[in-house]
Amino acid sequence: MTPLTGYLLLSTGLFAIGLAGVLTRRNAIAVLIGVELMLNAANLNFVAFWRYGAAGDFLTGPTFVLFAIAVAAAEAAVGLALVIAVYRHYRTANVDEVDRLKG
């Protein structure tokens, strides 16, 4: 097995765990954790393809990863703010029980 294949298998596993968490969990925070796992799987792919790709001299892989980490941090901040606002209004973080967003 080549090292790239190992990274891709690890990334696939992380993405599958994150997708399963997003699709099966009812808690909004668990859904956000699943999304973060999927973003980290994509970051692992960026770095693996950059490291084992033909153009390893350019810093395109780490640059994409830095932007993805910045987007993930902003997504986590906004997502947690929304979860806190919904919890204060409905007294639940269960995404199935929040059926309307009109205040």
PDB file of N, CA and C in Angstrom:
ATOM      1  N   MET A   1       0.856  -1.174   0.000  1.00  0.00           N
ATOM      2  CA  MET A   1       0.000   0.000   0.000  1.00  0.00           C
ATOM      3  C   MET A   1       0.905   1.241   0.000  1.00  0.00           C
ATOM      4  N   THR A   2       0.603   2.162  -0.889  1.00  0.00           N
ATOM      5  CA  THR A   2       1.369   3.404  -0.943  1.00  0.00           C
ATOM      6  C   THR A   2       0.929   4.319   0.195  1.00  0.00           C
ATOM      7  N   PRO A   3       1.777   5.238   0.609  1.00  0.00           N
ATOM      8  CA  PRO A   3       1.386   6.157   1.692  1.00  0.00           C
ATOM      9  C   PRO A   3       0.159   7.006   1.338  1.00  0.00           C
ATOM     10  N   LEU A   4       0.023   7.364   0.056  1.00  0.00           N
ATOM     11  CA  LEU A   4      -1.143   8.157  -0.347  1.00  0.00           C
ATOM     12  C   LEU A   4      -2.427   7.370  -0.127  1.00  0.00           C
ATOM     13  N   THR A   5      -2.395   6.087  -0.433  1.00  0.00           N
ATOM     14  CA  THR A   5      -3.585   5.261  -0.245  1.00  0.00           C
ATOM     15  C   THR A   5      -3.990   5.210   1.224  1.00  0.00           C
ATOM     16  N   GLY A   6      -3.016   5.132   2.110  1.00  0.00           N
ATOM     17  CA  GLY A   6      -3.326   5.128   3.543  1.00  0.00           C
ATOM     18  C   GLY A   6      -4.003   6.409   3.982  1.00  0.00           C
ATOM     19  N   TYR A   7      -3.494   7.544   3.503  1.00  0.00           N
ATOM     20  CA  TYR A   7      -4.124   8.819   3.843  1.00  0.00           C
ATOM     21  C   TYR A   7      -5.540   8.922   3.268  1.00  0.00           C
ATOM     22  N   LEU A   8      -5.717   8.425   2.067  1.00  0.00           N
ATOM     23  CA  LEU A   8      -7.044   8.481   1.455  1.00  0.00           C
ATOM     24  C   LEU A   8      -8.029   7.567   2.178  1.00  0.00           C
ATOM     25  N   LEU A   9      -7.566   6.402   2.630  1.00  0.00           N
ATOM     26  CA  LEU A   9      -8.447   5.519   3.402  1.00  0.00           C
ATOM     27  C   LEU A   9      -8.814   6.147   4.747  1.00  0.00           C
ATOM     28  N   LEU A  10      -7.851   6.779   5.398  1.00  0.00           N
ATOM     29  CA  LEU A  10      -8.141   7.477   6.654  1.00  0.00           C
ATOM     30  C   LEU A  10      -9.120   8.620   6.423  1.00  0.00           C
ATOM     31  N   SER A  11      -8.922   9.359   5.351  1.00  0.00           N
ATOM     32  CA  SER A  11      -9.817  10.461   5.029  1.00  0.00           C
ATOM     33  C   SER A  11     -11.229   9.961   4.717  1.00  0.00           C
ATOM     34  N   THR A  12     -11.311   8.855   4.008  1.00  0.00           N
ATOM     35  CA  THR A  12     -12.620   8.275   3.703  1.00  0.00           C
ATOM     36  C   THR A  12     -13.330   7.840   4.974  1.00  0.00           C
ATOM     37  N   GLY A  13     -12.583   7.235   5.891  1.00  0.00           N
ATOM     38  CA  GLY A  13     -13.177   6.831   7.165  1.00  0.00           C
ATOM     39  C   GLY A  13     -13.669   8.017   7.972  1.00  0.00           C
ATOM     40  N   LEU A  14     -12.866   9.077   8.043  1.00  0.00           N
ATOM     41  CA  LEU A  14     -13.284  10.283   8.758  1.00  0.00           C
ATOM     42  C   LEU A  14     -14.532  10.906   8.134  1.00  0.00           C
ATOM     43  N   PHE A  15     -14.547  10.953   6.808  1.00  0.00           N
ATOM     44  CA  PHE A  15     -15.701  11.538   6.134  1.00  0.00           C
ATOM     45  C   PHE A  15     -16.952  10.692   6.369  1.00  0.00           C
ATOM     46  N   ALA A  16     -16.806   9.366   6.341  1.00  0.00           N
ATOM     47  CA  ALA A  16     -17.963   8.487   6.560  1.00  0.00           C
ATOM     48  C   ALA A  16     -18.491   8.628   7.988  1.00  0.00           C
ATOM     49  N   ILE A  17     -17.600   8.732   8.967  1.00  0.00           N
ATOM     50  CA  ILE A  17     -18.036   8.921  10.348  1.00  0.00           C
ATOM     51  C   ILE A  17     -18.749  10.260  10.504  1.00  0.00           C
ATOM     52  N   GLY A  18     -18.210  11.300   9.881  1.00  0.00           N
ATOM     53  CA  GLY A  18     -18.853  12.611   9.942  1.00  0.00           C
ATOM     54  C   GLY A  18     -20.210  12.626   9.267  1.00  0.00           C
ATOM     55  N   LEU A  19     -20.300  11.978   8.110  1.00  0.00           N
ATOM     56  CA  LEU A  19     -21.587  11.916   7.403  1.00  0.00           C
ATOM     57  C   LEU A  19     -22.615  11.126   8.194  1.00  0.00           C
ATOM     58  N   ALA A  20     -22.189  10.028   8.795  1.00  0.00           N
ATOM     59  CA  ALA A  20     -23.106   9.251   9.630  1.00  0.00           C
ATOM     60  C   ALA A  20     -23.569  10.074  10.830  1.00  0.00           C
ATOM     61  N   GLY A  21     -22.671  10.864  11.401  1.00  0.00           N
ATOM     62  CA  GLY A  21     -23.053  11.723  12.516  1.00  0.00           C
ATOM     63  C   GLY A  21     -24.049  12.796  12.115  1.00  0.00           C
ATOM     64  N   VAL A  22     -23.877  13.358  10.929  1.00  0.00           N
ATOM     65  CA  VAL A  22     -24.799  14.395  10.459  1.00  0.00           C
ATOM     66  C   VAL A  22     -26.173  13.804  10.163  1.00  0.00           C
ATOM     67  N   LEU A  23     -26.201  12.625   9.564  1.00  0.00           N
ATOM     68  CA  LEU A  23     -27.474  12.051   9.144  1.00  0.00           C
ATOM     69  C   LEU A  23     -28.249  11.360  10.265  1.00  0.00           C
ATOM     70  N   THR A  24     -27.561  10.903  11.309  1.00  0.00           N
ATOM     71  CA  THR A  24     -28.253  10.118  12.328  1.00  0.00           C
ATOM     72  C   THR A  24     -28.485  10.862  13.629  1.00  0.00           C
ATOM     73  N   ARG A  25     -27.739  11.876  13.920  1.00  0.00           N
ATOM     74  CA  ARG A  25     -27.876  12.563  15.208  1.00  0.00           C
ATOM     75  C   ARG A  25     -28.998  13.573  15.179  1.00  0.00           C
ATOM     76  N   ARG A  26     -29.609  13.766  16.326  1.00  0.00           N
ATOM     77  CA  ARG A  26     -30.677  14.751  16.443  1.00  0.00           C
ATOM     78  C   ARG A  26     -30.224  15.998  17.191  1.00  0.00           C
ATOM     79  N   ASN A  27     -29.128  15.887  17.916  1.00  0.00           N
ATOM     80  CA  ASN A  27     -28.613  17.027  18.657  1.00  0.00           C
ATOM     81  C   ASN A  27     -27.850  17.941  17.699  1.00  0.00           C
ATOM     82  N   ALA A  28     -28.111  19.221  17.769  1.00  0.00           N
ATOM     83  CA  ALA A  28     -27.501  20.178  16.835  1.00  0.00           C
ATOM     84  C   ALA A  28     -25.989  20.252  17.011  1.00  0.00           C
ATOM     85  N   ILE A  29     -25.501  20.114  18.222  1.00  0.00           N
ATOM     86  CA  ILE A  29     -24.055  20.172  18.441  1.00  0.00           C
ATOM     87  C   ILE A  29     -23.382  18.945  17.848  1.00  0.00           C
ATOM     88  N   ALA A  30     -24.013  17.773  17.950  1.00  0.00           N
ATOM     89  CA  ALA A  30     -23.457  16.565  17.338  1.00  0.00           C
ATOM     90  C   ALA A  30     -23.437  16.680  15.814  1.00  0.00           C
ATOM     91  N   VAL A  31     -24.422  17.346  15.253  1.00  0.00           N
ATOM     92  CA  VAL A  31     -24.436  17.579  13.808  1.00  0.00           C
ATOM     93  C   VAL A  31     -23.276  18.488  13.416  1.00  0.00           C
ATOM     94  N   LEU A  32     -23.016  19.525  14.195  1.00  0.00           N
ATOM     95  CA  LEU A  32     -21.884  20.417  13.914  1.00  0.00           C
ATOM     96  C   LEU A  32     -20.551  19.678  14.032  1.00  0.00           C
ATOM     97  N   ILE A  33     -20.438  18.759  14.980  1.00  0.00           N
ATOM     98  CA  ILE A  33     -19.215  17.971  15.109  1.00  0.00           C
ATOM     99  C   ILE A  33     -19.032  17.087  13.878  1.00  0.00           C
ATOM    100  N   GLY A  34     -20.120  16.521  13.354  1.00  0.00           N
ATOM    101  CA  GLY A  34     -20.037  15.722  12.133  1.00  0.00           C
ATOM    102  C   GLY A  34     -19.582  16.547  10.942  1.00  0.00           C
ATOM    103  N   VAL A  35     -20.054  17.766  10.839  1.00  0.00           N
ATOM    104  CA  VAL A  35     -19.622  18.653   9.755  1.00  0.00           C
ATOM    105  C   VAL A  35     -18.137  18.970   9.886  1.00  0.00           C
ATOM    106  N   GLU A  36     -17.683  19.182  11.107  1.00  0.00           N
ATOM    107  CA  GLU A  36     -16.258  19.456  11.326  1.00  0.00           C
ATOM    108  C   GLU A  36     -15.403  18.245  10.943  1.00  0.00           C
ATOM    109  N   LEU A  37     -15.871  17.046  11.227  1.00  0.00           N
ATOM    110  CA  LEU A  37     -15.136  15.851  10.816  1.00  0.00           C
ATOM    111  C   LEU A  37     -15.035  15.760   9.297  1.00  0.00           C
ATOM    112  N   MET A  38     -16.107  16.109   8.611  1.00  0.00           N
ATOM    113  CA  MET A  38     -16.065  16.069   7.147  1.00  0.00           C
ATOM    114  C   MET A  38     -15.105  17.118   6.597  1.00  0.00           C
ATOM    115  N   LEU A  39     -15.074  18.291   7.194  1.00  0.00           N
ATOM    116  CA  LEU A  39     -14.123  19.317   6.757  1.00  0.00           C
ATOM    117  C   LEU A  39     -12.679  18.891   7.014  1.00  0.00           C
ATOM    118  N   ASN A  40     -12.438  18.217   8.134  1.00  0.00           N
ATOM    119  CA  ASN A  40     -11.099  17.731   8.423  1.00  0.00           C
ATOM    120  C   ASN A  40     -10.688  16.626   7.461  1.00  0.00           C
ATOM    121  N   ALA A  41     -11.626  15.808   7.019  1.00  0.00           N
ATOM    122  CA  ALA A  41     -11.319  14.791   6.008  1.00  0.00           C
ATOM    123  C   ALA A  41     -10.914  15.459   4.696  1.00  0.00           C
ATOM    124  N   ALA A  42     -11.599  16.524   4.334  1.00  0.00           N
ATOM    125  CA  ALA A  42     -11.222  17.258   3.118  1.00  0.00           C
ATOM    126  C   ALA A  42      -9.844  17.892   3.269  1.00  0.00           C
ATOM    127  N   ASN A  43      -9.541  18.425   4.450  1.00  0.00           N
ATOM    128  CA  ASN A  43      -8.217  19.004   4.694  1.00  0.00           C
ATOM    129  C   ASN A  43      -7.129  17.945   4.585  1.00  0.00           C
ATOM    130  N   LEU A  44      -7.395  16.761   5.092  1.00  0.00           N
ATOM    131  CA  LEU A  44      -6.427  15.675   4.981  1.00  0.00           C
ATOM    132  C   LEU A  44      -6.188  15.309   3.516  1.00  0.00           C
ATOM    133  N   ASN A  45      -7.231  15.338   2.711  1.00  0.00           N
ATOM    134  CA  ASN A  45      -7.070  15.092   1.273  1.00  0.00           C
ATOM    135  C   ASN A  45      -6.227  16.174   0.618  1.00  0.00           C
ATOM    136  N   PHE A  46      -6.477  17.428   0.962  1.00  0.00           N
ATOM    137  CA  PHE A  46      -5.683  18.519   0.397  1.00  0.00           C
ATOM    138  C   PHE A  46      -4.198  18.333   0.676  1.00  0.00           C
ATOM    139  N   VAL A  47      -3.865  18.028   1.918  1.00  0.00           N
ATOM    140  CA  VAL A  47      -2.461  17.885   2.290  1.00  0.00           C
ATOM    141  C   VAL A  47      -1.849  16.636   1.665  1.00  0.00           C
ATOM    142  N   ALA A  48      -2.593  15.542   1.610  1.00  0.00           N
ATOM    143  CA  ALA A  48      -2.061  14.306   1.032  1.00  0.00           C
ATOM    144  C   ALA A  48      -1.794  14.464  -0.460  1.00  0.00           C
ATOM    145  N   PHE A  49      -2.731  15.058  -1.184  1.00  0.00           N
ATOM    146  CA  PHE A  49      -2.512  15.251  -2.616  1.00  0.00           C
ATOM    147  C   PHE A  49      -1.417  16.280  -2.878  1.00  0.00           C
ATOM    148  N   TRP A  50      -1.278  17.266  -1.997  1.00  0.00           N
ATOM    149  CA  TRP A  50      -0.188  18.221  -2.155  1.00  0.00           C
ATOM    150  C   TRP A  50       1.154  17.543  -1.927  1.00  0.00           C
ATOM    151  N   ARG A  51       1.228  16.719  -0.907  1.00  0.00           N
ATOM    152  CA  ARG A  51       2.503  16.079  -0.553  1.00  0.00           C
ATOM    153  C   ARG A  51       2.931  15.048  -1.584  1.00  0.00           C
ATOM    154  N   TYR A  52       2.008  14.250  -2.076  1.00  0.00           N
ATOM    155  CA  TYR A  52       2.342  13.179  -3.001  1.00  0.00           C
ATOM    156  C   TYR A  52       2.027  13.521  -4.450  1.00  0.00           C
ATOM    157  N   GLY A  53       1.647  14.748  -4.727  1.00  0.00           N
ATOM    158  CA  GLY A  53       1.339  15.165  -6.092  1.00  0.00           C
ATOM    159  C   GLY A  53       2.584  15.532  -6.870  1.00  0.00           C
ATOM    160  N   ALA A  54       2.382  15.874  -8.131  1.00  0.00           N
ATOM    161  CA  ALA A  54       3.507  16.194  -9.012  1.00  0.00           C
ATOM    162  C   ALA A  54       4.090  17.570  -8.701  1.00  0.00           C
ATOM    163  N   ALA A  55       3.262  18.521  -8.337  1.00  0.00           N
ATOM    164  CA  ALA A  55       3.735  19.894  -8.079  1.00  0.00           C
ATOM    165  C   ALA A  55       3.853  20.115  -6.577  1.00  0.00           C
ATOM    166  N   GLY A  56       4.775  19.432  -5.925  1.00  0.00           N
ATOM    167  CA  GLY A  56       4.934  19.547  -4.482  1.00  0.00           C
ATOM    168  C   GLY A  56       5.682  20.787  -4.048  1.00  0.00           C
ATOM    169  N   ASP A  57       6.244  21.527  -5.005  1.00  0.00           N
ATOM    170  CA  ASP A  57       7.012  22.722  -4.652  1.00  0.00           C
ATOM    171  C   ASP A  57       6.117  23.886  -4.242  1.00  0.00           C
ATOM    172  N   PHE A  58       4.959  23.997  -4.854  1.00  0.00           N
ATOM    173  CA  PHE A  58       4.050  25.096  -4.547  1.00  0.00           C
ATOM    174  C   PHE A  58       3.272  24.773  -3.274  1.00  0.00           C
ATOM    175  N   LEU A  59       2.879  25.789  -2.558  1.00  0.00           N
ATOM    176  CA  LEU A  59       2.170  25.604  -1.296  1.00  0.00           C
ATOM    177  C   LEU A  59       0.657  25.690  -1.475  1.00  0.00           C
ATOM    178  N   THR A  60       0.137  25.070  -2.524  1.00  0.00           N
ATOM    179  CA  THR A  60      -1.302  25.148  -2.767  1.00  0.00           C
ATOM    180  C   THR A  60      -2.093  24.339  -1.746  1.00  0.00           C
ATOM    181  N   GLY A  61      -1.617  23.146  -1.399  1.00  0.00           N
ATOM    182  CA  GLY A  61      -2.323  22.307  -0.428  1.00  0.00           C
ATOM    183  C   GLY A  61      -2.448  22.957   0.933  1.00  0.00           C
ATOM    184  N   PRO A  62      -1.320  23.376   1.536  1.00  0.00           N
ATOM    185  CA  PRO A  62      -1.438  24.043   2.840  1.00  0.00           C
ATOM    186  C   PRO A  62      -2.213  25.358   2.785  1.00  0.00           C
ATOM    187  N   THR A  63      -2.166  26.054   1.653  1.00  0.00           N
ATOM    188  CA  THR A  63      -2.937  27.293   1.526  1.00  0.00           C
ATOM    189  C   THR A  63      -4.434  27.000   1.563  1.00  0.00           C
ATOM    190  N   PHE A  64      -4.862  25.973   0.824  1.00  0.00           N
ATOM    191  CA  PHE A  64      -6.272  25.582   0.864  1.00  0.00           C
ATOM    192  C   PHE A  64      -6.672  25.139   2.267  1.00  0.00           C
ATOM    193  N   VAL A  65      -5.783  24.430   2.947  1.00  0.00           N
ATOM    194  CA  VAL A  65      -6.082  23.965   4.293  1.00  0.00           C
ATOM    195  C   VAL A  65      -6.240  25.149   5.251  1.00  0.00           C
ATOM    196  N   LEU A  66      -5.381  26.146   5.142  1.00  0.00           N
ATOM    197  CA  LEU A  66      -5.514  27.321   6.010  1.00  0.00           C
ATOM    198  C   LEU A  66      -6.835  28.045   5.780  1.00  0.00           C
ATOM    199  N   PHE A  67      -7.227  28.187   4.519  1.00  0.00           N
ATOM    200  CA  PHE A  67      -8.526  28.806   4.239  1.00  0.00           C
ATOM    201  C   PHE A  67      -9.672  27.946   4.758  1.00  0.00           C
ATOM    202  N   ALA A  68      -9.562  26.631   4.611  1.00  0.00           N
ATOM    203  CA  ALA A  68     -10.612  25.736   5.098  1.00  0.00           C
ATOM    204  C   ALA A  68     -10.708  25.776   6.618  1.00  0.00           C
ATOM    205  N   ILE A  69      -9.573  25.889   7.312  1.00  0.00           N
ATOM    206  CA  ILE A  69      -9.596  25.997   8.766  1.00  0.00           C
ATOM    207  C   ILE A  69     -10.249  27.311   9.190  1.00  0.00           C
ATOM    208  N   ALA A  70      -9.974  28.380   8.465  1.00  0.00           N
ATOM    209  CA  ALA A  70     -10.607  29.665   8.771  1.00  0.00           C
ATOM    210  C   ALA A  70     -12.112  29.595   8.556  1.00  0.00           C
ATOM    211  N   VAL A  71     -12.530  28.958   7.478  1.00  0.00           N
ATOM    212  CA  VAL A  71     -13.966  28.805   7.216  1.00  0.00           C
ATOM    213  C   VAL A  71     -14.603  27.915   8.272  1.00  0.00           C
ATOM    214  N   ALA A  72     -13.908  26.856   8.686  1.00  0.00           N
ATOM    215  CA  ALA A  72     -14.446  25.963   9.711  1.00  0.00           C
ATOM    216  C   ALA A  72     -14.583  26.680  11.047  1.00  0.00           C
ATOM    217  N   ALA A  73     -13.631  27.537  11.381  1.00  0.00           N
ATOM    218  CA  ALA A  73     -13.726  28.294  12.631  1.00  0.00           C
ATOM    219  C   ALA A  73     -14.906  29.259  12.597  1.00  0.00           C
ATOM    220  N   ALA A  74     -15.084  29.926  11.470  1.00  0.00           N
ATOM    221  CA  ALA A  74     -16.232  30.832  11.344  1.00  0.00           C
ATOM    222  C   ALA A  74     -17.542  30.058  11.375  1.00  0.00           C
ATOM    223  N   GLU A  75     -17.571  28.907  10.728  1.00  0.00           N
ATOM    224  CA  GLU A  75     -18.778  28.076  10.717  1.00  0.00           C
ATOM    225  C   GLU A  75     -19.105  27.588  12.121  1.00  0.00           C
ATOM    226  N   ALA A  76     -18.098  27.204  12.873  1.00  0.00           N
ATOM    227  CA  ALA A  76     -18.332  26.734  14.243  1.00  0.00           C
ATOM    228  C   ALA A  76     -18.847  27.869  15.121  1.00  0.00           C
ATOM    229  N   ALA A  77     -18.288  29.042  14.969  1.00  0.00           N
ATOM    230  CA  ALA A  77     -18.734  30.179  15.781  1.00  0.00           C
ATOM    231  C   ALA A  77     -20.178  30.556  15.460  1.00  0.00           C
ATOM    232  N   VAL A  78     -20.494  30.653  14.179  1.00  0.00           N
ATOM    233  CA  VAL A  78     -21.867  31.013  13.789  1.00  0.00           C
ATOM    234  C   VAL A  78     -22.833  29.892  14.141  1.00  0.00           C
ATOM    235  N   GLY A  79     -22.413  28.652  13.916  1.00  0.00           N
ATOM    236  CA  GLY A  79     -23.281  27.513  14.232  1.00  0.00           C
ATOM    237  C   GLY A  79     -23.582  27.417  15.711  1.00  0.00           C
ATOM    238  N   LEU A  80     -22.574  27.580  16.556  1.00  0.00           N
ATOM    239  CA  LEU A  80     -22.820  27.535  17.999  1.00  0.00           C
ATOM    240  C   LEU A  80     -23.666  28.716  18.464  1.00  0.00           C
ATOM    241  N   ALA A  81     -23.485  29.876  17.852  1.00  0.00           N
ATOM    242  CA  ALA A  81     -24.339  31.017  18.197  1.00  0.00           C
ATOM    243  C   ALA A  81     -25.795  30.733  17.838  1.00  0.00           C
ATOM    244  N   LEU A  82     -26.016  30.112  16.699  1.00  0.00           N
ATOM    245  CA  LEU A  82     -27.382  29.750  16.315  1.00  0.00           C
ATOM    246  C   LEU A  82     -27.974  28.696  17.246  1.00  0.00           C
ATOM    247  N   VAL A  83     -27.160  27.723  17.627  1.00  0.00           N
ATOM    248  CA  VAL A  83     -27.639  26.684  18.549  1.00  0.00           C
ATOM    249  C   VAL A  83     -28.011  27.305  19.891  1.00  0.00           C
ATOM    250  N   ILE A  84     -27.198  28.221  20.389  1.00  0.00           N
ATOM    251  CA  ILE A  84     -27.509  28.882  21.663  1.00  0.00           C
ATOM    252  C   ILE A  84     -28.785  29.708  21.548  1.00  0.00           C
ATOM    253  N   ALA A  85     -28.958  30.415  20.436  1.00  0.00           N
ATOM    254  CA  ALA A  85     -30.178  31.215  20.248  1.00  0.00           C
ATOM    255  C   ALA A  85     -31.418  30.330  20.158  1.00  0.00           C
ATOM    256  N   VAL A  86     -31.316  29.222  19.448  1.00  0.00           N
ATOM    257  CA  VAL A  86     -32.453  28.302  19.344  1.00  0.00           C
ATOM    258  C   VAL A  86     -32.739  27.669  20.695  1.00  0.00           C
ATOM    259  N   TYR A  87     -31.688  27.324  21.443  1.00  0.00           N
ATOM    260  CA  TYR A  87     -31.898  26.714  22.754  1.00  0.00           C
ATOM    261  C   TYR A  87     -32.575  27.690  23.713  1.00  0.00           C
ATOM    262  N   ARG A  88     -32.195  28.948  23.664  1.00  0.00           N
ATOM    263  CA  ARG A  88     -32.819  29.932  24.550  1.00  0.00           C
ATOM    264  C   ARG A  88     -34.293  30.128  24.216  1.00  0.00           C
ATOM    265  N   HIS A  89     -34.643  29.986  22.960  1.00  0.00           N
ATOM    266  CA  HIS A  89     -36.041  30.200  22.561  1.00  0.00           C
ATOM    267  C   HIS A  89     -36.892  28.961  22.772  1.00  0.00           C
ATOM    268  N   TYR A  90     -36.382  27.784  22.385  1.00  0.00           N
ATOM    269  CA  TYR A  90     -37.170  26.557  22.427  1.00  0.00           C
ATOM    270  C   TYR A  90     -36.856  25.656  23.616  1.00  0.00           C
ATOM    271  N   ARG A  91     -35.765  25.925  24.325  1.00  0.00           N
ATOM    272  CA  ARG A  91     -35.307  25.098  25.444  1.00  0.00           C
ATOM    273  C   ARG A  91     -34.962  23.676  25.025  1.00  0.00           C
ATOM    274  N   THR A  92     -34.486  23.513  23.800  1.00  0.00           N
ATOM    275  CA  THR A  92     -34.021  22.224  23.309  1.00  0.00           C
ATOM    276  C   THR A  92     -32.989  22.452  22.221  1.00  0.00           C
ATOM    277  N   ALA A  93     -32.054  21.490  22.117  1.00  0.00           N
ATOM    278  CA  ALA A  93     -31.078  21.519  21.027  1.00  0.00           C
ATOM    279  C   ALA A  93     -31.352  20.410  20.032  1.00  0.00           C
ATOM    280  N   ASN A  94     -32.518  19.789  20.151  1.00  0.00           N
ATOM    281  CA  ASN A  94     -32.920  18.717  19.255  1.00  0.00           C
ATOM    282  C   ASN A  94     -33.437  19.328  17.958  1.00  0.00           C
ATOM    283  N   VAL A  95     -32.825  18.966  16.839  1.00  0.00           N
ATOM    284  CA  VAL A  95     -33.190  19.595  15.573  1.00  0.00           C
ATOM    285  C   VAL A  95     -34.560  19.137  15.072  1.00  0.00           C
ATOM    286  N   ASP A  96     -35.070  18.015  15.561  1.00  0.00           N
ATOM    287  CA  ASP A  96     -36.394  17.555  15.143  1.00  0.00           C
ATOM    288  C   ASP A  96     -37.521  18.327  15.821  1.00  0.00           C
ATOM    289  N   GLU A  97     -37.264  18.848  17.005  1.00  0.00           N
ATOM    290  CA  GLU A  97     -38.305  19.552  17.744  1.00  0.00           C
ATOM    291  C   GLU A  97     -38.435  21.016  17.347  1.00  0.00           C
ATOM    292  N   VAL A  98     -37.466  21.541  16.645  1.00  0.00           N
ATOM    293  CA  VAL A  98     -37.532  22.935  16.195  1.00  0.00           C
ATOM    294  C   VAL A  98     -38.208  22.924  14.835  1.00  0.00           C
ATOM    295  N   ASP A  99     -39.486  23.222  14.828  1.00  0.00           N
ATOM    296  CA  ASP A  99     -40.238  23.117  13.578  1.00  0.00           C
ATOM    297  C   ASP A  99     -40.529  24.450  12.924  1.00  0.00           C
ATOM    298  N   ARG A 100     -40.295  25.535  13.622  1.00  0.00           N
ATOM    299  CA  ARG A 100     -40.478  26.830  12.984  1.00  0.00           C
ATOM    300  C   ARG A 100     -39.409  27.778  13.507  1.00  0.00           C
ATOM    301  N   LEU A 101     -38.970  28.658  12.650  1.00  0.00           N
ATOM    302  CA  LEU A 101     -37.921  29.591  13.009  1.00  0.00           C
ATOM    303  C   LEU A 101     -38.441  31.009  13.219  1.00  0.00           C
ATOM    304  N   LYS A 102     -39.732  31.174  13.077  1.00  0.00           N
ATOM    305  CA  LYS A 102     -40.311  32.500  13.288  1.00  0.00           C
ATOM    306  C   LYS A 102     -40.419  32.754  14.776  1.00  0.00           C
ATOM    307  N   GLY A 103     -39.892  33.888  15.232  1.00  0.00           N
ATOM    308  CA  GLY A 103     -39.873  34.197  16.664  1.00  0.00           C
ATOM    309  C   GLY A 103     -41.128  34.813  17.091  1.00  0.00           C
TER     310      GLY A 103
END
